[in-house]
Amino acid sequence: MKQYIRDIIDDLKKAGEEDFIPAIPKTPTDGKTVYLDPPPVAPTPEDLNNQNLSSDNEERVKQLDYQAQKDEERETLE
């Protein structure tokens, strides 16, 4: 553990020097990229914040009114 801390301190001391450049990570040899983030969840009717709004203006107004009503109902229940 002491050696690990000493290495960190040495790296911090050398950070101001011109020749200090962090190592560039190696590219994967198989050419695949691994994404560690979870995939986006598809919007559901209950998920009002991520709902896909209609391009039709009248339908969009209905959707937004429904969202506002459900938000008010949720606030009164909590």
C-alpha atoms as a PDB file:
ATOM      1  CA  MET A   1       0.000   0.000   0.000  1.00  0.00           C
ATOM      2  CA  LYS A   2       2.847   2.369   0.822  1.00  0.00           C
ATOM      3  CA  GLN A   3       4.441   1.729  -2.545  1.00  0.00           C
ATOM      4  CA  TYR A   4       1.133   2.428  -4.271  1.00  0.00           C
ATOM      5  CA  ILE A   5       0.807   5.780  -2.480  1.00  0.00           C
ATOM      6  CA  ARG A   6       4.445   6.643  -3.233  1.00  0.00           C
ATOM      7  CA  ASP A   7       3.855   5.929  -6.922  1.00  0.00           C
ATOM      8  CA  ILE A   8       0.847   8.271  -6.923  1.00  0.00           C
ATOM      9  CA  ILE A   9       2.850  11.016  -5.233  1.00  0.00           C
ATOM     10  CA  ASP A  10       5.698  10.571  -7.729  1.00  0.00           C
ATOM     11  CA  ASP A  11       3.232  10.806 -10.614  1.00  0.00           C
ATOM     12  CA  LEU A  12       1.810  14.022  -9.167  1.00  0.00           C
ATOM     13  CA  LYS A  13       5.281  15.490  -8.793  1.00  0.00           C
ATOM     14  CA  LYS A  14       6.127  14.639 -12.410  1.00  0.00           C
ATOM     15  CA  ALA A  15       2.856  16.026 -13.776  1.00  0.00           C
ATOM     16  CA  GLY A  16       4.350  19.512 -14.279  1.00  0.00           C
ATOM     17  CA  GLU A  17       7.206  18.266 -16.460  1.00  0.00           C
ATOM     18  CA  GLU A  18       6.901  18.578 -20.213  1.00  0.00           C
ATOM     19  CA  ASP A  19       7.669  14.943 -20.926  1.00  0.00           C
ATOM     20  CA  PHE A  20       4.825  13.726 -18.730  1.00  0.00           C
ATOM     21  CA  ILE A  21       2.181  12.371 -21.104  1.00  0.00           C
ATOM     22  CA  PRO A  22      -0.345   9.807 -19.946  1.00  0.00           C
ATOM     23  CA  ALA A  23      -0.203   6.499 -21.757  1.00  0.00           C
ATOM     24  CA  ILE A  24      -2.630   6.067 -24.636  1.00  0.00           C
ATOM     25  CA  PRO A  25      -4.810   2.997 -24.154  1.00  0.00           C
ATOM     26  CA  LYS A  26      -4.331   0.179 -26.634  1.00  0.00           C
ATOM     27  CA  THR A  27      -7.055  -0.427 -29.180  1.00  0.00           C
ATOM     28  CA  PRO A  28      -8.823  -3.767 -28.970  1.00  0.00           C
ATOM     29  CA  THR A  29      -7.460  -6.320 -31.407  1.00  0.00           C
ATOM     30  CA  ASP A  30     -10.865  -7.780 -32.240  1.00  0.00           C
ATOM     31  CA  GLY A  31     -12.258  -4.373 -33.264  1.00  0.00           C
ATOM     32  CA  LYS A  32     -15.284  -4.601 -30.981  1.00  0.00           C
ATOM     33  CA  THR A  33     -16.370  -1.768 -28.725  1.00  0.00           C
ATOM     34  CA  VAL A  34     -17.809  -2.624 -25.354  1.00  0.00           C
ATOM     35  CA  TYR A  35     -20.380  -0.170 -24.010  1.00  0.00           C
ATOM     36  CA  LEU A  36     -20.684  -0.369 -20.239  1.00  0.00           C
ATOM     37  CA  ASP A  37     -23.755   1.864 -20.002  1.00  0.00           C
ATOM     38  CA  PRO A  38     -27.081   0.052 -19.718  1.00  0.00           C
ATOM     39  CA  PRO A  39     -29.180   0.166 -22.899  1.00  0.00           C
ATOM     40  CA  PRO A  40     -31.899   2.820 -22.988  1.00  0.00           C
ATOM     41  CA  VAL A  41     -35.280   1.627 -21.815  1.00  0.00           C
ATOM     42  CA  ALA A  42     -38.164   1.941 -24.250  1.00  0.00           C
ATOM     43  CA  PRO A  43     -40.780   4.461 -23.078  1.00  0.00           C
ATOM     44  CA  THR A  44     -43.929   3.001 -21.583  1.00  0.00           C
ATOM     45  CA  PRO A  45     -47.347   4.646 -21.222  1.00  0.00           C
ATOM     46  CA  GLU A  46     -46.685   5.046 -17.480  1.00  0.00           C
ATOM     47  CA  ASP A  47     -43.347   6.793 -18.125  1.00  0.00           C
ATOM     48  CA  LEU A  48     -44.693  10.251 -18.866  1.00  0.00           C
ATOM     49  CA  ASN A  49     -41.344  12.065 -18.975  1.00  0.00           C
ATOM     50  CA  ASN A  50     -39.958   9.868 -21.776  1.00  0.00           C
ATOM     51  CA  GLN A  51     -43.136   9.523 -23.773  1.00  0.00           C
ATOM     52  CA  ASN A  52     -42.878  10.004 -27.532  1.00  0.00           C
ATOM     53  CA  LEU A  53     -45.151  12.916 -28.362  1.00  0.00           C
ATOM     54  CA  SER A  54     -47.296  12.856 -31.471  1.00  0.00           C
ATOM     55  CA  SER A  55     -46.541  15.101 -34.444  1.00  0.00           C
ATOM     56  CA  ASP A  56     -50.254  15.963 -34.661  1.00  0.00           C
ATOM     57  CA  ASN A  57     -50.907  19.124 -32.646  1.00  0.00           C
ATOM     58  CA  GLU A  58     -54.310  18.040 -31.293  1.00  0.00           C
ATOM     59  CA  GLU A  59     -52.991  14.653 -30.208  1.00  0.00           C
ATOM     60  CA  ARG A  60     -49.940  16.306 -28.601  1.00  0.00           C
ATOM     61  CA  VAL A  61     -52.209  18.603 -26.565  1.00  0.00           C
ATOM     62  CA  LYS A  62     -54.183  15.571 -25.395  1.00  0.00           C
ATOM     63  CA  GLN A  63     -50.973  13.787 -24.420  1.00  0.00           C
ATOM     64  CA  LEU A  64     -49.656  16.780 -22.486  1.00  0.00           C
ATOM     65  CA  ASP A  65     -52.992  17.258 -20.710  1.00  0.00           C
ATOM     66  CA  TYR A  66     -52.966  13.588 -19.750  1.00  0.00           C
ATOM     67  CA  GLN A  67     -49.405  13.923 -18.447  1.00  0.00           C
ATOM     68  CA  ALA A  68     -50.317  16.964 -16.372  1.00  0.00           C
ATOM     69  CA  GLN A  69     -53.357  15.200 -14.927  1.00  0.00           C
ATOM     70  CA  LYS A  70     -51.332  12.095 -14.004  1.00  0.00           C
ATOM     71  CA  ASP A  71     -48.599  14.259 -12.431  1.00  0.00           C
ATOM     72  CA  GLU A  72     -51.199  16.012 -10.271  1.00  0.00           C
ATOM     73  CA  GLU A  73     -52.715  12.690  -9.241  1.00  0.00           C
ATOM     74  CA  ARG A  74     -49.301  11.315  -8.352  1.00  0.00           C
ATOM     75  CA  GLU A  75     -48.465  14.408  -6.256  1.00  0.00           C
ATOM     76  CA  THR A  76     -51.695  14.160  -4.286  1.00  0.00           C
ATOM     77  CA  LEU A  77     -51.047  10.472  -3.515  1.00  0.00           C
ATOM     78  CA  GLU A  78     -47.523  11.070  -2.193  1.00  0.00           C
END
